[in-house]
Amino acid sequence: MDDKLVTMAQYTNPAEASLAKQILADFGIESVLTGENFSVIYPVPSLANVELQVLQCEAKRAREILESNKKSANAWRCLGQDKLKEQ
């Protein structure tokens, strides 16, 4: 297969990039991270960008999964803040 890799997202935090990679893996989408070692050596956010890449044929599905996960994470974050306000 001659499919190209496309960048789905850029992260300044390698842990967030690894989490996104694992989420895609949970849905059966293989991905790669580029620049993660550079971000460990040079932990300056403006210099250290970790890119999450997938095959072009999986890009649409991967984007939907990542967007859905982002919305879920924001919802949980909001629920947690509401609980803190109640206390």
PDB file of N, CA and C in Angstrom:
ATOM      1  N   MET A   1       0.851  -1.177   0.000  1.00  0.00           N
ATOM      2  CA  MET A   1       0.000   0.000   0.000  1.00  0.00           C
ATOM      3  C   MET A   1       0.892   1.235   0.000  1.00  0.00           C
ATOM      4  N   ASP A   2       0.569   2.180  -0.833  1.00  0.00           N
ATOM      5  CA  ASP A   2       1.383   3.382  -0.972  1.00  0.00           C
ATOM      6  C   ASP A   2       0.650   4.587  -0.390  1.00  0.00           C
ATOM      7  N   ASP A   3       0.215   4.472   0.867  1.00  0.00           N
ATOM      8  CA  ASP A   3      -0.512   5.550   1.517  1.00  0.00           C
ATOM      9  C   ASP A   3       0.455   6.417   2.308  1.00  0.00           C
ATOM     10  N   LYS A   4       0.262   7.708   2.261  1.00  0.00           N
ATOM     11  CA  LYS A   4       1.153   8.640   2.950  1.00  0.00           C
ATOM     12  C   LYS A   4       0.702   8.856   4.388  1.00  0.00           C
ATOM     13  N   LEU A   5       1.650   9.255   5.236  1.00  0.00           N
ATOM     14  CA  LEU A   5       1.332   9.655   6.601  1.00  0.00           C
ATOM     15  C   LEU A   5       0.908  11.109   6.604  1.00  0.00           C
ATOM     16  N   VAL A   6      -0.123  11.406   7.380  1.00  0.00           N
ATOM     17  CA  VAL A   6      -0.580  12.786   7.539  1.00  0.00           C
ATOM     18  C   VAL A   6      -0.577  13.127   9.015  1.00  0.00           C
ATOM     19  N   THR A   7      -0.285  14.366   9.321  1.00  0.00           N
ATOM     20  CA  THR A   7      -0.252  14.822  10.707  1.00  0.00           C
ATOM     21  C   THR A   7      -1.666  15.150  11.166  1.00  0.00           C
ATOM     22  N   MET A   8      -2.082  14.510  12.247  1.00  0.00           N
ATOM     23  CA  MET A   8      -3.416  14.722  12.804  1.00  0.00           C
ATOM     24  C   MET A   8      -3.416  15.815  13.867  1.00  0.00           C
ATOM     25  N   ALA A   9      -2.337  15.895  14.625  1.00  0.00           N
ATOM     26  CA  ALA A   9      -2.280  16.857  15.723  1.00  0.00           C
ATOM     27  C   ALA A   9      -0.835  17.083  16.129  1.00  0.00           C
ATOM     28  N   GLN A  10      -0.605  18.230  16.769  1.00  0.00           N
ATOM     29  CA  GLN A  10       0.703  18.542  17.337  1.00  0.00           C
ATOM     30  C   GLN A  10       0.515  18.795  18.826  1.00  0.00           C
ATOM     31  N   TYR A  11       1.448  18.290  19.603  1.00  0.00           N
ATOM     32  CA  TYR A  11       1.387  18.419  21.058  1.00  0.00           C
ATOM     33  C   TYR A  11       2.712  18.968  21.575  1.00  0.00           C
ATOM     34  N   THR A  12       2.636  19.760  22.619  1.00  0.00           N
ATOM     35  CA  THR A  12       3.856  20.202  23.293  1.00  0.00           C
ATOM     36  C   THR A  12       4.162  19.297  24.477  1.00  0.00           C
ATOM     37  N   ASN A  13       3.194  18.470  24.849  1.00  0.00           N
ATOM     38  CA  ASN A  13       3.356  17.550  25.966  1.00  0.00           C
ATOM     39  C   ASN A  13       3.397  16.117  25.426  1.00  0.00           C
ATOM     40  N   PRO A  14       4.537  15.424  25.544  1.00  0.00           N
ATOM     41  CA  PRO A  14       4.641  14.059  25.026  1.00  0.00           C
ATOM     42  C   PRO A  14       3.628  13.092  25.646  1.00  0.00           C
ATOM     43  N   ALA A  15       3.245  13.312  26.888  1.00  0.00           N
ATOM     44  CA  ALA A  15       2.274  12.431  27.539  1.00  0.00           C
ATOM     45  C   ALA A  15       0.907  12.543  26.866  1.00  0.00           C
ATOM     46  N   GLU A  16       0.504  13.757  26.510  1.00  0.00           N
ATOM     47  CA  GLU A  16      -0.767  13.943  25.802  1.00  0.00           C
ATOM     48  C   GLU A  16      -0.726  13.283  24.434  1.00  0.00           C
ATOM     49  N   ALA A  17       0.401  13.383  23.763  1.00  0.00           N
ATOM     50  CA  ALA A  17       0.557  12.755  22.458  1.00  0.00           C
ATOM     51  C   ALA A  17       0.454  11.233  22.584  1.00  0.00           C
ATOM     52  N   SER A  18       1.080  10.668  23.598  1.00  0.00           N
ATOM     53  CA  SER A  18       1.019   9.220  23.822  1.00  0.00           C
ATOM     54  C   SER A  18      -0.399   8.766  24.136  1.00  0.00           C
ATOM     55  N   LEU A  19      -1.119   9.572  24.887  1.00  0.00           N
ATOM     56  CA  LEU A  19      -2.510   9.254  25.209  1.00  0.00           C
ATOM     57  C   LEU A  19      -3.365   9.234  23.941  1.00  0.00           C
ATOM     58  N   ALA A  20      -3.188  10.230  23.087  1.00  0.00           N
ATOM     59  CA  ALA A  20      -3.932  10.278  21.826  1.00  0.00           C
ATOM     60  C   ALA A  20      -3.592   9.074  20.952  1.00  0.00           C
ATOM     61  N   LYS A  21      -2.329   8.703  20.929  1.00  0.00           N
ATOM     62  CA  LYS A  21      -1.894   7.529  20.161  1.00  0.00           C
ATOM     63  C   LYS A  21      -2.567   6.270  20.688  1.00  0.00           C
ATOM     64  N   GLN A  22      -2.655   6.133  21.995  1.00  0.00           N
ATOM     65  CA  GLN A  22      -3.293   4.968  22.599  1.00  0.00           C
ATOM     66  C   GLN A  22      -4.794   4.943  22.319  1.00  0.00           C
ATOM     67  N   ILE A  23      -5.427   6.096  22.348  1.00  0.00           N
ATOM     68  CA  ILE A  23      -6.864   6.167  22.036  1.00  0.00           C
ATOM     69  C   ILE A  23      -7.112   5.665  20.620  1.00  0.00           C
ATOM     70  N   LEU A  24      -6.299   6.104  19.682  1.00  0.00           N
ATOM     71  CA  LEU A  24      -6.452   5.625  18.307  1.00  0.00           C
ATOM     72  C   LEU A  24      -6.210   4.118  18.236  1.00  0.00           C
ATOM     73  N   ALA A  25      -5.217   3.621  18.956  1.00  0.00           N
ATOM     74  CA  ALA A  25      -4.928   2.189  18.963  1.00  0.00           C
ATOM     75  C   ALA A  25      -6.120   1.394  19.505  1.00  0.00           C
ATOM     76  N   ASP A  26      -6.801   1.954  20.495  1.00  0.00           N
ATOM     77  CA  ASP A  26      -7.978   1.292  21.055  1.00  0.00           C
ATOM     78  C   ASP A  26      -9.075   1.115  20.008  1.00  0.00           C
ATOM     79  N   PHE A  27      -9.087   1.975  18.996  1.00  0.00           N
ATOM     80  CA  PHE A  27     -10.054   1.893  17.905  1.00  0.00           C
ATOM     81  C   PHE A  27      -9.465   1.197  16.673  1.00  0.00           C
ATOM     82  N   GLY A  28      -8.299   0.602  16.821  1.00  0.00           N
ATOM     83  CA  GLY A  28      -7.692  -0.158  15.739  1.00  0.00           C
ATOM     84  C   GLY A  28      -6.965   0.667  14.701  1.00  0.00           C
ATOM     85  N   ILE A  29      -6.629   1.913  15.033  1.00  0.00           N
ATOM     86  CA  ILE A  29      -5.915   2.780  14.097  1.00  0.00           C
ATOM     87  C   ILE A  29      -4.457   2.879  14.542  1.00  0.00           C
ATOM     88  N   GLU A  30      -3.568   2.454  13.661  1.00  0.00           N
ATOM     89  CA  GLU A  30      -2.142   2.563  13.963  1.00  0.00           C
ATOM     90  C   GLU A  30      -1.687   3.994  13.697  1.00  0.00           C
ATOM     91  N   SER A  31      -0.805   4.476  14.549  1.00  0.00           N
ATOM     92  CA  SER A  31      -0.285   5.835  14.392  1.00  0.00           C
ATOM     93  C   SER A  31       1.165   5.865  14.843  1.00  0.00           C
ATOM     94  N   VAL A  32       1.838   6.942  14.514  1.00  0.00           N
ATOM     95  CA  VAL A  32       3.222   7.137  14.939  1.00  0.00           C
ATOM     96  C   VAL A  32       3.361   8.525  15.545  1.00  0.00           C
ATOM     97  N   LEU A  33       4.319   8.643  16.447  1.00  0.00           N
ATOM     98  CA  LEU A  33       4.659   9.943  17.032  1.00  0.00           C
ATOM     99  C   LEU A  33       6.034  10.341  16.521  1.00  0.00           C
ATOM    100  N   THR A  34       6.150  11.576  16.074  1.00  0.00           N
ATOM    101  CA  THR A  34       7.449  12.081  15.645  1.00  0.00           C
ATOM    102  C   THR A  34       7.834  13.244  16.547  1.00  0.00           C
ATOM    103  N   GLY A  35       9.105  13.318  16.873  1.00  0.00           N
ATOM    104  CA  GLY A  35       9.610  14.421  17.679  1.00  0.00           C
ATOM    105  C   GLY A  35       9.507  14.232  19.165  1.00  0.00           C
ATOM    106  N   GLU A  36       9.067  13.058  19.613  1.00  0.00           N
ATOM    107  CA  GLU A  36       8.896  12.882  21.051  1.00  0.00           C
ATOM    108  C   GLU A  36      10.227  12.869  21.799  1.00  0.00           C
ATOM    109  N   ASN A  37      11.281  12.361  21.193  1.00  0.00           N
ATOM    110  CA  ASN A  37      12.585  12.379  21.845  1.00  0.00           C
ATOM    111  C   ASN A  37      13.152  13.792  21.899  1.00  0.00           C
ATOM    112  N   PHE A  38      12.917  14.575  20.873  1.00  0.00           N
ATOM    113  CA  PHE A  38      13.373  15.957  20.858  1.00  0.00           C
ATOM    114  C   PHE A  38      12.728  16.750  21.988  1.00  0.00           C
ATOM    115  N   SER A  39      11.443  16.480  22.249  1.00  0.00           N
ATOM    116  CA  SER A  39      10.747  17.217  23.303  1.00  0.00           C
ATOM    117  C   SER A  39      11.267  16.867  24.693  1.00  0.00           C
ATOM    118  N   VAL A  40      11.855  15.694  24.850  1.00  0.00           N
ATOM    119  CA  VAL A  40      12.433  15.314  26.139  1.00  0.00           C
ATOM    120  C   VAL A  40      13.782  16.016  26.331  1.00  0.00           C
ATOM    121  N   ILE A  41      14.551  16.093  25.252  1.00  0.00           N
ATOM    122  CA  ILE A  41      15.864  16.723  25.324  1.00  0.00           C
ATOM    123  C   ILE A  41      15.742  18.238  25.483  1.00  0.00           C
ATOM    124  N   TYR A  42      14.815  18.829  24.723  1.00  0.00           N
ATOM    125  CA  TYR A  42      14.588  20.281  24.767  1.00  0.00           C
ATOM    126  C   TYR A  42      13.158  20.546  25.203  1.00  0.00           C
ATOM    127  N   PRO A  43      12.898  20.604  26.514  1.00  0.00           N
ATOM    128  CA  PRO A  43      11.519  20.743  26.995  1.00  0.00           C
ATOM    129  C   PRO A  43      10.958  22.164  26.909  1.00  0.00           C
ATOM    130  N   VAL A  44      11.309  22.888  25.866  1.00  0.00           N
ATOM    131  CA  VAL A  44      10.770  24.230  25.651  1.00  0.00           C
ATOM    132  C   VAL A  44       9.574  24.073  24.714  1.00  0.00           C
ATOM    133  N   PRO A  45       8.354  24.411  25.178  1.00  0.00           N
ATOM    134  CA  PRO A  45       7.161  24.161  24.371  1.00  0.00           C
ATOM    135  C   PRO A  45       7.205  24.706  22.943  1.00  0.00           C
ATOM    136  N   SER A  46       7.794  25.854  22.737  1.00  0.00           N
ATOM    137  CA  SER A  46       7.816  26.412  21.388  1.00  0.00           C
ATOM    138  C   SER A  46       8.754  25.631  20.462  1.00  0.00           C
ATOM    139  N   LEU A  47       9.716  24.927  21.027  1.00  0.00           N
ATOM    140  CA  LEU A  47      10.641  24.126  20.229  1.00  0.00           C
ATOM    141  C   LEU A  47      10.187  22.679  20.088  1.00  0.00           C
ATOM    142  N   ALA A  48       9.540  22.173  21.096  1.00  0.00           N
ATOM    143  CA  ALA A  48       9.229  20.750  21.157  1.00  0.00           C
ATOM    144  C   ALA A  48       7.797  20.479  20.717  1.00  0.00           C
ATOM    145  N   ASN A  49       7.638  20.062  19.478  1.00  0.00           N
ATOM    146  CA  ASN A  49       6.326  19.659  18.984  1.00  0.00           C
ATOM    147  C   ASN A  49       6.353  18.182  18.652  1.00  0.00           C
ATOM    148  N   VAL A  50       5.479  17.442  19.291  1.00  0.00           N
ATOM    149  CA  VAL A  50       5.316  16.030  18.993  1.00  0.00           C
ATOM    150  C   VAL A  50       4.140  15.931  18.037  1.00  0.00           C
ATOM    151  N   GLU A  51       4.359  15.283  16.900  1.00  0.00           N
ATOM    152  CA  GLU A  51       3.299  15.147  15.904  1.00  0.00           C
ATOM    153  C   GLU A  51       2.733  13.735  15.934  1.00  0.00           C
ATOM    154  N   LEU A  52       1.414  13.657  15.891  1.00  0.00           N
ATOM    155  CA  LEU A  52       0.710  12.391  15.795  1.00  0.00           C
ATOM    156  C   LEU A  52       0.323  12.206  14.329  1.00  0.00           C
ATOM    157  N   GLN A  53       0.787  11.119  13.731  1.00  0.00           N
ATOM    158  CA  GLN A  53       0.536  10.878  12.312  1.00  0.00           C
ATOM    159  C   GLN A  53      -0.147   9.531  12.102  1.00  0.00           C
ATOM    160  N   VAL A  54      -1.046   9.521  11.107  1.00  0.00           N
ATOM    161  CA  VAL A  54      -1.741   8.300  10.707  1.00  0.00           C
ATOM    162  C   VAL A  54      -1.683   8.191   9.195  1.00  0.00           C
ATOM    163  N   LEU A  55      -2.014   7.004   8.693  1.00  0.00           N
ATOM    164  CA  LEU A  55      -2.103   6.843   7.246  1.00  0.00           C
ATOM    165  C   LEU A  55      -3.249   7.694   6.708  1.00  0.00           C
ATOM    166  N   GLN A  56      -3.056   8.240   5.539  1.00  0.00           N
ATOM    167  CA  GLN A  56      -4.041   9.137   4.937  1.00  0.00           C
ATOM    168  C   GLN A  56      -5.418   8.474   4.825  1.00  0.00           C
ATOM    169  N   CYS A  57      -5.446   7.168   4.545  1.00  0.00           N
ATOM    170  CA  CYS A  57      -6.727   6.471   4.399  1.00  0.00           C
ATOM    171  C   CYS A  57      -7.485   6.375   5.732  1.00  0.00           C
ATOM    172  N   GLU A  58      -6.813   6.540   6.861  1.00  0.00           N
ATOM    173  CA  GLU A  58      -7.439   6.482   8.192  1.00  0.00           C
ATOM    174  C   GLU A  58      -7.665   7.864   8.798  1.00  0.00           C
ATOM    175  N   ALA A  59      -7.274   8.919   8.099  1.00  0.00           N
ATOM    176  CA  ALA A  59      -7.281  10.271   8.667  1.00  0.00           C
ATOM    177  C   ALA A  59      -8.670  10.736   9.086  1.00  0.00           C
ATOM    178  N   LYS A  60      -9.664  10.520   8.253  1.00  0.00           N
ATOM    179  CA  LYS A  60     -11.015  10.999   8.571  1.00  0.00           C
ATOM    180  C   LYS A  60     -11.531  10.338   9.852  1.00  0.00           C
ATOM    181  N   ARG A  61     -11.402   9.025   9.920  1.00  0.00           N
ATOM    182  CA  ARG A  61     -11.875   8.295  11.102  1.00  0.00           C
ATOM    183  C   ARG A  61     -11.075   8.693  12.345  1.00  0.00           C
ATOM    184  N   ALA A  62      -9.771   8.846  12.194  1.00  0.00           N
ATOM    185  CA  ALA A  62      -8.925   9.246  13.320  1.00  0.00           C
ATOM    186  C   ALA A  62      -9.320  10.623  13.832  1.00  0.00           C
ATOM    187  N   ARG A  63      -9.584  11.550  12.922  1.00  0.00           N
ATOM    188  CA  ARG A  63      -9.979  12.903  13.319  1.00  0.00           C
ATOM    189  C   ARG A  63     -11.293  12.864  14.107  1.00  0.00           C
ATOM    190  N   GLU A  64     -12.245  12.055  13.643  1.00  0.00           N
ATOM    191  CA  GLU A  64     -13.529  11.935  14.342  1.00  0.00           C
ATOM    192  C   GLU A  64     -13.333  11.383  15.749  1.00  0.00           C
ATOM    193  N   ILE A  65     -12.483  10.388  15.881  1.00  0.00           N
ATOM    194  CA  ILE A  65     -12.218   9.786  17.189  1.00  0.00           C
ATOM    195  C   ILE A  65     -11.553  10.798  18.120  1.00  0.00           C
ATOM    196  N   LEU A  66     -10.550  11.502  17.625  1.00  0.00           N
ATOM    197  CA  LEU A  66      -9.851  12.488  18.457  1.00  0.00           C
ATOM    198  C   LEU A  66     -10.774  13.640  18.855  1.00  0.00           C
ATOM    199  N   GLU A  67     -11.615  14.099  17.924  1.00  0.00           N
ATOM    200  CA  GLU A  67     -12.564  15.179  18.236  1.00  0.00           C
ATOM    201  C   GLU A  67     -13.570  14.725  19.288  1.00  0.00           C
ATOM    202  N   SER A  68     -14.079  13.513  19.130  1.00  0.00           N
ATOM    203  CA  SER A  68     -15.039  12.972  20.084  1.00  0.00           C
ATOM    204  C   SER A  68     -14.412  12.841  21.466  1.00  0.00           C
ATOM    205  N   ASN A  69     -13.169  12.380  21.504  1.00  0.00           N
ATOM    206  CA  ASN A  69     -12.470  12.237  22.775  1.00  0.00           C
ATOM    207  C   ASN A  69     -12.229  13.597  23.425  1.00  0.00           C
ATOM    208  N   LYS A  70     -11.895  14.598  22.606  1.00  0.00           N
ATOM    209  CA  LYS A  70     -11.658  15.940  23.145  1.00  0.00           C
ATOM    210  C   LYS A  70     -12.936  16.494  23.784  1.00  0.00           C
ATOM    211  N   LYS A  71     -14.078  16.273  23.131  1.00  0.00           N
ATOM    212  CA  LYS A  71     -15.351  16.745  23.676  1.00  0.00           C
ATOM    213  C   LYS A  71     -15.674  16.028  24.977  1.00  0.00           C
ATOM    214  N   SER A  72     -15.414  14.724  25.033  1.00  0.00           N
ATOM    215  CA  SER A  72     -15.670  13.951  26.244  1.00  0.00           C
ATOM    216  C   SER A  72     -14.786  14.430  27.390  1.00  0.00           C
ATOM    217  N   ALA A  73     -13.516  14.677  27.092  1.00  0.00           N
ATOM    218  CA  ALA A  73     -12.587  15.141  28.126  1.00  0.00           C
ATOM    219  C   ALA A  73     -13.020  16.501  28.660  1.00  0.00           C
ATOM    220  N   ASN A  74     -13.460  17.388  27.776  1.00  0.00           N
ATOM    221  CA  ASN A  74     -13.928  18.707  28.213  1.00  0.00           C
ATOM    222  C   ASN A  74     -15.182  18.587  29.068  1.00  0.00           C
ATOM    223  N   ALA A  75     -16.080  17.666  28.718  1.00  0.00           N
ATOM    224  CA  ALA A  75     -17.299  17.463  29.502  1.00  0.00           C
ATOM    225  C   ALA A  75     -16.952  16.979  30.900  1.00  0.00           C
ATOM    226  N   TRP A  76     -16.030  16.017  31.003  1.00  0.00           N
ATOM    227  CA  TRP A  76     -15.610  15.515  32.307  1.00  0.00           C
ATOM    228  C   TRP A  76     -14.936  16.616  33.119  1.00  0.00           C
ATOM    229  N   ARG A  77     -14.133  17.425  32.446  1.00  0.00           N
ATOM    230  CA  ARG A  77     -13.455  18.521  33.124  1.00  0.00           C
ATOM    231  C   ARG A  77     -14.483  19.491  33.701  1.00  0.00           C
ATOM    232  N   CYS A  78     -15.511  19.816  32.922  1.00  0.00           N
ATOM    233  CA  CYS A  78     -16.555  20.731  33.385  1.00  0.00           C
ATOM    234  C   CYS A  78     -17.323  20.125  34.547  1.00  0.00           C
ATOM    235  N   LEU A  79     -17.641  18.833  34.459  1.00  0.00           N
ATOM    236  CA  LEU A  79     -18.341  18.169  35.557  1.00  0.00           C
ATOM    237  C   LEU A  79     -17.508  18.223  36.826  1.00  0.00           C
ATOM    238  N   GLY A  80     -16.227  18.012  36.705  1.00  0.00           N
ATOM    239  CA  GLY A  80     -15.343  18.071  37.865  1.00  0.00           C
ATOM    240  C   GLY A  80     -15.296  19.451  38.479  1.00  0.00           C
ATOM    241  N   GLN A  81     -15.307  20.485  37.666  1.00  0.00           N
ATOM    242  CA  GLN A  81     -15.283  21.851  38.183  1.00  0.00           C
ATOM    243  C   GLN A  81     -16.584  22.190  38.881  1.00  0.00           C
ATOM    244  N   ASP A  82     -17.705  21.695  38.337  1.00  0.00           N
ATOM    245  CA  ASP A  82     -18.996  21.922  38.994  1.00  0.00           C
ATOM    246  C   ASP A  82     -19.034  21.284  40.374  1.00  0.00           C
ATOM    247  N   LYS A  83     -18.460  20.098  40.497  1.00  0.00           N
ATOM    248  CA  LYS A  83     -18.418  19.419  41.785  1.00  0.00           C
ATOM    249  C   LYS A  83     -17.590  20.225  42.779  1.00  0.00           C
ATOM    250  N   LEU A  84     -16.482  20.816  42.312  1.00  0.00           N
ATOM    251  CA  LEU A  84     -15.647  21.622  43.200  1.00  0.00           C
ATOM    252  C   LEU A  84     -16.399  22.859  43.674  1.00  0.00           C
ATOM    253  N   LYS A  85     -17.197  23.464  42.801  1.00  0.00           N
ATOM    254  CA  LYS A  85     -17.956  24.652  43.178  1.00  0.00           C
ATOM    255  C   LYS A  85     -19.004  24.340  44.235  1.00  0.00           C
ATOM    256  N   GLU A  86     -19.560  23.112  44.166  1.00  0.00           N
ATOM    257  CA  GLU A  86     -20.600  22.713  45.126  1.00  0.00           C
ATOM    258  C   GLU A  86     -20.024  22.546  46.528  1.00  0.00           C
ATOM    259  N   GLN A  87     -18.753  22.201  46.625  1.00  0.00           N
ATOM    260  CA  GLN A  87     -18.164  21.918  47.939  1.00  0.00           C
ATOM    261  C   GLN A  87     -17.830  23.160  48.692  1.00  0.00           C
TER     262      GLN A  87
END
